Amino acid sequence: MVAAFAEAIAQARPELRDAALDKPLAMLLFGMMNWMFTWLKPRGALTHADMAPVVADLFFGGLGAIRAAAPSPRPLSRRDDPVIAEYQP
């Protein structure tokens, strides 16, 4: 899987393969996505569908490419969300 994504990165940006960054970038992408389980909760304020374009924008365009969008409607209020409540000051 990593090799397939590394190849896609190299096709989009050949100079990254020349600099031996295609595979490390693919592994960074997978690392970013694989750790989402630690904080993205099924009943949280954000859904996987909310985060998919954020991950893509961040990977392909950096922080400047992130577009803030309203989260999907959720049954819980933000106040009742245990993940959000845990990080309230």
PDB file of N, CA and C in Angstrom:
ATOM      1  N   MET A   1       0.827  -1.183   0.000  1.00  0.00           N
ATOM      2  CA  MET A   1       0.000   0.000   0.000  1.00  0.00           C
ATOM      3  C   MET A   1       0.880   1.258   0.000  1.00  0.00           C
ATOM      4  N   VAL A   2       1.907   1.251   0.833  1.00  0.00           N
ATOM      5  CA  VAL A   2       2.813   2.400   0.884  1.00  0.00           C
ATOM      6  C   VAL A   2       3.459   2.615  -0.475  1.00  0.00           C
ATOM      7  N   ALA A   3       3.881   1.533  -1.115  1.00  0.00           N
ATOM      8  CA  ALA A   3       4.528   1.649  -2.425  1.00  0.00           C
ATOM      9  C   ALA A   3       3.582   2.262  -3.458  1.00  0.00           C
ATOM     10  N   ALA A   4       2.309   1.899  -3.403  1.00  0.00           N
ATOM     11  CA  ALA A   4       1.334   2.453  -4.354  1.00  0.00           C
ATOM     12  C   ALA A   4       1.163   3.950  -4.136  1.00  0.00           C
ATOM     13  N   PHE A   5       1.083   4.368  -2.880  1.00  0.00           N
ATOM     14  CA  PHE A   5       0.956   5.801  -2.611  1.00  0.00           C
ATOM     15  C   PHE A   5       2.245   6.544  -2.932  1.00  0.00           C
ATOM     16  N   ALA A   6       3.377   5.921  -2.666  1.00  0.00           N
ATOM     17  CA  ALA A   6       4.656   6.539  -3.019  1.00  0.00           C
ATOM     18  C   ALA A   6       4.742   6.755  -4.525  1.00  0.00           C
ATOM     19  N   GLU A   7       4.266   5.787  -5.288  1.00  0.00           N
ATOM     20  CA  GLU A   7       4.258   5.915  -6.745  1.00  0.00           C
ATOM     21  C   GLU A   7       3.342   7.053  -7.187  1.00  0.00           C
ATOM     22  N   ALA A   8       2.174   7.174  -6.547  1.00  0.00           N
ATOM     23  CA  ALA A   8       1.260   8.269  -6.887  1.00  0.00           C
ATOM     24  C   ALA A   8       1.888   9.617  -6.571  1.00  0.00           C
ATOM     25  N   ILE A   9       2.580   9.696  -5.457  1.00  0.00           N
ATOM     26  CA  ILE A   9       3.274  10.939  -5.091  1.00  0.00           C
ATOM     27  C   ILE A   9       4.358  11.251  -6.119  1.00  0.00           C
ATOM     28  N   ALA A  10       5.113  10.241  -6.506  1.00  0.00           N
ATOM     29  CA  ALA A  10       6.189  10.429  -7.484  1.00  0.00           C
ATOM     30  C   ALA A  10       5.649  10.839  -8.847  1.00  0.00           C
ATOM     31  N   GLN A  11       4.490  10.328  -9.222  1.00  0.00           N
ATOM     32  CA  GLN A  11       3.896  10.733 -10.491  1.00  0.00           C
ATOM     33  C   GLN A  11       3.423  12.182 -10.445  1.00  0.00           C
ATOM     34  N   ALA A  12       2.883  12.583  -9.299  1.00  0.00           N
ATOM     35  CA  ALA A  12       2.417  13.967  -9.162  1.00  0.00           C
ATOM     36  C   ALA A  12       3.584  14.940  -9.036  1.00  0.00           C
ATOM     37  N   ARG A  13       4.645  14.506  -8.349  1.00  0.00           N
ATOM     38  CA  ARG A  13       5.804  15.362  -8.108  1.00  0.00           C
ATOM     39  C   ARG A  13       7.080  14.548  -8.294  1.00  0.00           C
ATOM     40  N   PRO A  14       7.538  14.364  -9.550  1.00  0.00           N
ATOM     41  CA  PRO A  14       8.719  13.517  -9.821  1.00  0.00           C
ATOM     42  C   PRO A  14       9.967  13.926  -9.047  1.00  0.00           C
ATOM     43  N   GLU A  15      10.113  15.183  -8.761  1.00  0.00           N
ATOM     44  CA  GLU A  15      11.312  15.632  -8.036  1.00  0.00           C
ATOM     45  C   GLU A  15      11.374  15.058  -6.623  1.00  0.00           C
ATOM     46  N   LEU A  16      10.213  14.660  -6.073  1.00  0.00           N
ATOM     47  CA  LEU A  16      10.217  14.063  -4.740  1.00  0.00           C
ATOM     48  C   LEU A  16      10.806  12.658  -4.756  1.00  0.00           C
ATOM     49  N   ARG A  17      10.607  11.933  -5.850  1.00  0.00           N
ATOM     50  CA  ARG A  17      11.260  10.617  -5.987  1.00  0.00           C
ATOM     51  C   ARG A  17      12.763  10.817  -6.115  1.00  0.00           C
ATOM     52  N   ASP A  18      13.162  11.802  -6.910  1.00  0.00           N
ATOM     53  CA  ASP A  18      14.587  12.076  -7.100  1.00  0.00           C
ATOM     54  C   ASP A  18      15.264  12.423  -5.774  1.00  0.00           C
ATOM     55  N   ALA A  19      14.523  13.053  -4.869  1.00  0.00           N
ATOM     56  CA  ALA A  19      15.063  13.426  -3.557  1.00  0.00           C
ATOM     57  C   ALA A  19      14.824  12.328  -2.518  1.00  0.00           C
ATOM     58  N   ALA A  20      14.325  11.165  -2.946  1.00  0.00           N
ATOM     59  CA  ALA A  20      14.037  10.027  -2.072  1.00  0.00           C
ATOM     60  C   ALA A  20      13.024  10.380  -0.984  1.00  0.00           C
ATOM     61  N   LEU A  21      12.043  11.217  -1.347  1.00  0.00           N
ATOM     62  CA  LEU A  21      11.015  11.614  -0.382  1.00  0.00           C
ATOM     63  C   LEU A  21       9.647  11.001  -0.658  1.00  0.00           C
ATOM     64  N   ASP A  22       9.501  10.292  -1.775  1.00  0.00           N
ATOM     65  CA  ASP A  22       8.185   9.752  -2.117  1.00  0.00           C
ATOM     66  C   ASP A  22       7.691   8.745  -1.084  1.00  0.00           C
ATOM     67  N   LYS A  23       8.523   7.809  -0.690  1.00  0.00           N
ATOM     68  CA  LYS A  23       8.112   6.803   0.294  1.00  0.00           C
ATOM     69  C   LYS A  23       7.950   7.410   1.687  1.00  0.00           C
ATOM     70  N   PRO A  24       8.879   8.237   2.169  1.00  0.00           N
ATOM     71  CA  PRO A  24       8.661   8.862   3.476  1.00  0.00           C
ATOM     72  C   PRO A  24       7.375   9.701   3.529  1.00  0.00           C
ATOM     73  N   LEU A  25       7.054  10.393   2.443  1.00  0.00           N
ATOM     74  CA  LEU A  25       5.813  11.175   2.435  1.00  0.00           C
ATOM     75  C   LEU A  25       4.587  10.272   2.476  1.00  0.00           C
ATOM     76  N   ALA A  26       4.627   9.160   1.777  1.00  0.00           N
ATOM     77  CA  ALA A  26       3.518   8.209   1.841  1.00  0.00           C
ATOM     78  C   ALA A  26       3.370   7.675   3.258  1.00  0.00           C
ATOM     79  N   MET A  27       4.477   7.373   3.912  1.00  0.00           N
ATOM     80  CA  MET A  27       4.419   6.867   5.280  1.00  0.00           C
ATOM     81  C   MET A  27       3.930   7.936   6.247  1.00  0.00           C
ATOM     82  N   LEU A  28       4.281   9.196   6.029  1.00  0.00           N
ATOM     83  CA  LEU A  28       3.754  10.287   6.851  1.00  0.00           C
ATOM     84  C   LEU A  28       2.242  10.402   6.703  1.00  0.00           C
ATOM     85  N   LEU A  29       1.750  10.282   5.485  1.00  0.00           N
ATOM     86  CA  LEU A  29       0.314  10.339   5.244  1.00  0.00           C
ATOM     87  C   LEU A  29      -0.400   9.230   6.012  1.00  0.00           C
ATOM     88  N   PHE A  30       0.097   8.012   5.898  1.00  0.00           N
ATOM     89  CA  PHE A  30      -0.523   6.899   6.609  1.00  0.00           C
ATOM     90  C   PHE A  30      -0.421   7.081   8.121  1.00  0.00           C
ATOM     91  N   GLY A  31       0.694   7.580   8.587  1.00  0.00           N
ATOM     92  CA  GLY A  31       0.843   7.828  10.024  1.00  0.00           C
ATOM     93  C   GLY A  31      -0.173   8.839  10.523  1.00  0.00           C
ATOM     94  N   MET A  32      -0.377   9.903   9.765  1.00  0.00           N
ATOM     95  CA  MET A  32      -1.356  10.926  10.146  1.00  0.00           C
ATOM     96  C   MET A  32      -2.743  10.309  10.224  1.00  0.00           C
ATOM     97  N   MET A  33      -3.112   9.518   9.243  1.00  0.00           N
ATOM     98  CA  MET A  33      -4.447   8.925   9.220  1.00  0.00           C
ATOM     99  C   MET A  33      -4.590   7.835  10.273  1.00  0.00           C
ATOM    100  N   ASN A  34      -3.557   7.024  10.468  1.00  0.00           N
ATOM    101  CA  ASN A  34      -3.657   5.904  11.400  1.00  0.00           C
ATOM    102  C   ASN A  34      -3.778   6.335  12.851  1.00  0.00           C
ATOM    103  N   TRP A  35      -3.297   7.514  13.199  1.00  0.00           N
ATOM    104  CA  TRP A  35      -3.388   7.965  14.585  1.00  0.00           C
ATOM    105  C   TRP A  35      -4.685   8.697  14.891  1.00  0.00           C
ATOM    106  N   MET A  36      -5.505   8.931  13.892  1.00  0.00           N
ATOM    107  CA  MET A  36      -6.781   9.628  14.137  1.00  0.00           C
ATOM    108  C   MET A  36      -7.660   8.871  15.115  1.00  0.00           C
ATOM    109  N   PHE A  37      -7.517   7.551  15.185  1.00  0.00           N
ATOM    110  CA  PHE A  37      -8.359   6.764  16.096  1.00  0.00           C
ATOM    111  C   PHE A  37      -8.162   7.189  17.549  1.00  0.00           C
ATOM    112  N   THR A  38      -7.029   7.805  17.867  1.00  0.00           N
ATOM    113  CA  THR A  38      -6.770   8.176  19.260  1.00  0.00           C
ATOM    114  C   THR A  38      -7.588   9.372  19.714  1.00  0.00           C
ATOM    115  N   TRP A  39      -8.079  10.170  18.783  1.00  0.00           N
ATOM    116  CA  TRP A  39      -8.831  11.360  19.188  1.00  0.00           C
ATOM    117  C   TRP A  39     -10.135  11.558  18.428  1.00  0.00           C
ATOM    118  N   LEU A  40     -10.312  10.948  17.267  1.00  0.00           N
ATOM    119  CA  LEU A  40     -11.538  11.119  16.486  1.00  0.00           C
ATOM    120  C   LEU A  40     -12.526  10.043  16.921  1.00  0.00           C
ATOM    121  N   LYS A  41     -13.489  10.453  17.730  1.00  0.00           N
ATOM    122  CA  LYS A  41     -14.431   9.513  18.331  1.00  0.00           C
ATOM    123  C   LYS A  41     -15.729   9.445  17.527  1.00  0.00           C
ATOM    124  N   PRO A  42     -16.346   8.264  17.457  1.00  0.00           N
ATOM    125  CA  PRO A  42     -17.566   8.093  16.657  1.00  0.00           C
ATOM    126  C   PRO A  42     -18.684   9.069  17.015  1.00  0.00           C
ATOM    127  N   ARG A  43     -18.815   9.438  18.276  1.00  0.00           N
ATOM    128  CA  ARG A  43     -19.883  10.361  18.673  1.00  0.00           C
ATOM    129  C   ARG A  43     -19.335  11.762  18.926  1.00  0.00           C
ATOM    130  N   GLY A  44     -18.160  12.054  18.386  1.00  0.00           N
ATOM    131  CA  GLY A  44     -17.528  13.346  18.597  1.00  0.00           C
ATOM    132  C   GLY A  44     -18.082  14.430  17.680  1.00  0.00           C
ATOM    133  N   ALA A  45     -17.523  15.605  17.818  1.00  0.00           N
ATOM    134  CA  ALA A  45     -17.984  16.769  17.055  1.00  0.00           C
ATOM    135  C   ALA A  45     -17.630  16.667  15.573  1.00  0.00           C
ATOM    136  N   LEU A  46     -16.603  15.906  15.234  1.00  0.00           N
ATOM    137  CA  LEU A  46     -16.187  15.742  13.839  1.00  0.00           C
ATOM    138  C   LEU A  46     -16.330  14.286  13.431  1.00  0.00           C
ATOM    139  N   THR A  47     -16.650  14.069  12.167  1.00  0.00           N
ATOM    140  CA  THR A  47     -16.771  12.715  11.640  1.00  0.00           C
ATOM    141  C   THR A  47     -15.584  12.412  10.726  1.00  0.00           C
ATOM    142  N   HIS A  48     -15.468  11.158  10.347  1.00  0.00           N
ATOM    143  CA  HIS A  48     -14.440  10.799   9.365  1.00  0.00           C
ATOM    144  C   HIS A  48     -14.689  11.542   8.060  1.00  0.00           C
ATOM    145  N   ALA A  49     -15.960  11.699   7.694  1.00  0.00           N
ATOM    146  CA  ALA A  49     -16.298  12.433   6.463  1.00  0.00           C
ATOM    147  C   ALA A  49     -15.880  13.898   6.567  1.00  0.00           C
ATOM    148  N   ASP A  50     -15.975  14.481   7.762  1.00  0.00           N
ATOM    149  CA  ASP A  50     -15.517  15.861   7.956  1.00  0.00           C
ATOM    150  C   ASP A  50     -14.009  15.955   7.779  1.00  0.00           C
ATOM    151  N   MET A  51     -13.294  14.956   8.262  1.00  0.00           N
ATOM    152  CA  MET A  51     -11.838  15.015   8.290  1.00  0.00           C
ATOM    153  C   MET A  51     -11.175  14.597   6.984  1.00  0.00           C
ATOM    154  N   ALA A  52     -11.863  13.819   6.146  1.00  0.00           N
ATOM    155  CA  ALA A  52     -11.249  13.350   4.896  1.00  0.00           C
ATOM    156  C   ALA A  52     -10.730  14.495   4.031  1.00  0.00           C
ATOM    157  N   PRO A  53     -11.528  15.549   3.767  1.00  0.00           N
ATOM    158  CA  PRO A  53     -10.976  16.637   2.950  1.00  0.00           C
ATOM    159  C   PRO A  53      -9.887  17.422   3.670  1.00  0.00           C
ATOM    160  N   VAL A  54      -9.941  17.460   4.984  1.00  0.00           N
ATOM    161  CA  VAL A  54      -8.902  18.164   5.744  1.00  0.00           C
ATOM    162  C   VAL A  54      -7.566  17.431   5.588  1.00  0.00           C
ATOM    163  N   VAL A  55      -7.594  16.114   5.698  1.00  0.00           N
ATOM    164  CA  VAL A  55      -6.369  15.324   5.523  1.00  0.00           C
ATOM    165  C   VAL A  55      -5.810  15.524   4.117  1.00  0.00           C
ATOM    166  N   ALA A  56      -6.674  15.452   3.122  1.00  0.00           N
ATOM    167  CA  ALA A  56      -6.215  15.629   1.734  1.00  0.00           C
ATOM    168  C   ALA A  56      -5.647  17.024   1.516  1.00  0.00           C
ATOM    169  N   ASP A  57      -6.358  18.048   2.004  1.00  0.00           N
ATOM    170  CA  ASP A  57      -5.869  19.423   1.835  1.00  0.00           C
ATOM    171  C   ASP A  57      -4.540  19.632   2.546  1.00  0.00           C
ATOM    172  N   LEU A  58      -4.427  19.111   3.762  1.00  0.00           N
ATOM    173  CA  LEU A  58      -3.189  19.267   4.513  1.00  0.00           C
ATOM    174  C   LEU A  58      -2.032  18.573   3.808  1.00  0.00           C
ATOM    175  N   PHE A  59      -2.270  17.372   3.327  1.00  0.00           N
ATOM    176  CA  PHE A  59      -1.199  16.617   2.671  1.00  0.00           C
ATOM    177  C   PHE A  59      -0.769  17.277   1.367  1.00  0.00           C
ATOM    178  N   PHE A  60      -1.730  17.680   0.552  1.00  0.00           N
ATOM    179  CA  PHE A  60      -1.389  18.217  -0.767  1.00  0.00           C
ATOM    180  C   PHE A  60      -1.054  19.696  -0.776  1.00  0.00           C
ATOM    181  N   GLY A  61      -1.567  20.455   0.203  1.00  0.00           N
ATOM    182  CA  GLY A  61      -1.354  21.892   0.154  1.00  0.00           C
ATOM    183  C   GLY A  61      -0.797  22.538   1.400  1.00  0.00           C
ATOM    184  N   GLY A  62      -0.599  21.771   2.465  1.00  0.00           N
ATOM    185  CA  GLY A  62      -0.100  22.346   3.705  1.00  0.00           C
ATOM    186  C   GLY A  62      -1.190  23.107   4.450  1.00  0.00           C
ATOM    187  N   LEU A  63      -0.810  23.736   5.525  1.00  0.00           N
ATOM    188  CA  LEU A  63      -1.785  24.446   6.359  1.00  0.00           C
ATOM    189  C   LEU A  63      -2.543  25.518   5.597  1.00  0.00           C
ATOM    190  N   GLY A  64      -1.892  26.158   4.644  1.00  0.00           N
ATOM    191  CA  GLY A  64      -2.547  27.212   3.877  1.00  0.00           C
ATOM    192  C   GLY A  64      -3.704  26.714   3.030  1.00  0.00           C
ATOM    193  N   ALA A  65      -3.767  25.415   2.790  1.00  0.00           N
ATOM    194  CA  ALA A  65      -4.829  24.852   1.950  1.00  0.00           C
ATOM    195  C   ALA A  65      -6.057  24.412   2.752  1.00  0.00           C
ATOM    196  N   ILE A  66      -5.954  24.419   4.068  1.00  0.00           N
ATOM    197  CA  ILE A  66      -7.074  23.943   4.896  1.00  0.00           C
ATOM    198  C   ILE A  66      -8.225  24.935   4.819  1.00  0.00           C
ATOM    199  N   ARG A  67      -9.392  24.390   4.510  1.00  0.00           N
ATOM    200  CA  ARG A  67     -10.619  25.197   4.480  1.00  0.00           C
ATOM    201  C   ARG A  67     -11.461  24.782   5.674  1.00  0.00           C
ATOM    202  N   ALA A  68     -11.786  25.731   6.521  1.00  0.00           N
ATOM    203  CA  ALA A  68     -12.627  25.428   7.675  1.00  0.00           C
ATOM    204  C   ALA A  68     -14.062  25.286   7.200  1.00  0.00           C
ATOM    205  N   ALA A  69     -14.652  24.153   7.499  1.00  0.00           N
ATOM    206  CA  ALA A  69     -16.044  23.903   7.154  1.00  0.00           C
ATOM    207  C   ALA A  69     -16.783  23.523   8.413  1.00  0.00           C
ATOM    208  N   ALA A  70     -18.063  23.750   8.405  1.00  0.00           N
ATOM    209  CA  ALA A  70     -18.870  23.374   9.557  1.00  0.00           C
ATOM    210  C   ALA A  70     -18.875  21.857   9.683  1.00  0.00           C
ATOM    211  N   PRO A  71     -18.738  21.362  10.917  1.00  0.00           N
ATOM    212  CA  PRO A  71     -18.803  19.913  11.099  1.00  0.00           C
ATOM    213  C   PRO A  71     -20.181  19.371  10.747  1.00  0.00           C
ATOM    214  N   SER A  72     -20.238  18.083  10.458  1.00  0.00           N
ATOM    215  CA  SER A  72     -21.514  17.436  10.176  1.00  0.00           C
ATOM    216  C   SER A  72     -22.398  17.505  11.409  1.00  0.00           C
ATOM    217  N   PRO A  73     -23.713  17.561  11.204  1.00  0.00           N
ATOM    218  CA  PRO A  73     -24.618  17.571  12.367  1.00  0.00           C
ATOM    219  C   PRO A  73     -24.432  16.302  13.187  1.00  0.00           C
ATOM    220  N   ARG A  74     -24.423  16.469  14.481  1.00  0.00           N
ATOM    221  CA  ARG A  74     -24.227  15.341  15.393  1.00  0.00           C
ATOM    222  C   ARG A  74     -25.364  15.328  16.411  1.00  0.00           C
ATOM    223  N   PRO A  75     -25.688  14.172  16.950  1.00  0.00           N
ATOM    224  CA  PRO A  75     -26.761  14.104  17.927  1.00  0.00           C
ATOM    225  C   PRO A  75     -26.411  14.750  19.266  1.00  0.00           C
ATOM    226  N   LEU A  76     -25.125  14.781  19.620  1.00  0.00           N
ATOM    227  CA  LEU A  76     -24.706  15.385  20.876  1.00  0.00           C
ATOM    228  C   LEU A  76     -24.330  16.840  20.663  1.00  0.00           C
ATOM    229  N   SER A  77     -24.526  17.653  21.676  1.00  0.00           N
ATOM    230  CA  SER A  77     -24.009  19.011  21.612  1.00  0.00           C
ATOM    231  C   SER A  77     -22.521  18.948  21.921  1.00  0.00           C
ATOM    232  N   ARG A  78     -21.799  19.982  21.578  1.00  0.00           N
ATOM    233  CA  ARG A  78     -20.360  20.014  21.863  1.00  0.00           C
ATOM    234  C   ARG A  78     -20.125  19.920  23.365  1.00  0.00           C
ATOM    235  N   ARG A  79     -20.999  20.522  24.157  1.00  0.00           N
ATOM    236  CA  ARG A  79     -20.849  20.493  25.606  1.00  0.00           C
ATOM    237  C   ARG A  79     -20.956  19.064  26.144  1.00  0.00           C
ATOM    238  N   ASP A  80     -21.795  18.236  25.511  1.00  0.00           N
ATOM    239  CA  ASP A  80     -22.014  16.870  25.965  1.00  0.00           C
ATOM    240  C   ASP A  80     -21.003  15.881  25.409  1.00  0.00           C
ATOM    241  N   ASP A  81     -20.189  16.318  24.481  1.00  0.00           N
ATOM    242  CA  ASP A  81     -19.217  15.428  23.853  1.00  0.00           C
ATOM    243  C   ASP A  81     -18.077  15.169  24.842  1.00  0.00           C
ATOM    244  N   PRO A  82     -17.871  13.908  25.276  1.00  0.00           N
ATOM    245  CA  PRO A  82     -16.829  13.631  26.274  1.00  0.00           C
ATOM    246  C   PRO A  82     -15.422  13.941  25.780  1.00  0.00           C
ATOM    247  N   VAL A  83     -15.171  13.837  24.488  1.00  0.00           N
ATOM    248  CA  VAL A  83     -13.840  14.141  23.961  1.00  0.00           C
ATOM    249  C   VAL A  83     -13.568  15.628  24.066  1.00  0.00           C
ATOM    250  N   ILE A  84     -14.519  16.456  23.658  1.00  0.00           N
ATOM    251  CA  ILE A  84     -14.356  17.914  23.750  1.00  0.00           C
ATOM    252  C   ILE A  84     -14.291  18.329  25.217  1.00  0.00           C
ATOM    253  N   ALA A  85     -15.192  17.795  26.045  1.00  0.00           N
ATOM    254  CA  ALA A  85     -15.236  18.168  27.457  1.00  0.00           C
ATOM    255  C   ALA A  85     -13.916  17.861  28.142  1.00  0.00           C
ATOM    256  N   GLU A  86     -13.273  16.773  27.755  1.00  0.00           N
ATOM    257  CA  GLU A  86     -12.001  16.388  28.367  1.00  0.00           C
ATOM    258  C   GLU A  86     -10.923  17.430  28.138  1.00  0.00           C
ATOM    259  N   TYR A  87     -10.993  18.158  27.024  1.00  0.00           N
ATOM    260  CA  TYR A  87      -9.948  19.132  26.694  1.00  0.00           C
ATOM    261  C   TYR A  87     -10.340  20.565  26.997  1.00  0.00           C
ATOM    262  N   GLN A  88     -11.468  20.770  27.658  1.00  0.00           N
ATOM    263  CA  GLN A  88     -11.867  22.126  28.051  1.00  0.00           C
ATOM    264  C   GLN A  88     -10.957  22.605  29.174  1.00  0.00           C
ATOM    265  N   PRO A  89     -10.524  23.870  29.120  1.00  0.00           N
ATOM    266  CA  PRO A  89      -9.675  24.396  30.212  1.00  0.00           C
ATOM    267  C   PRO A  89     -10.454  24.558  31.499  1.00  0.00           C
TER     268      PRO A  89
END
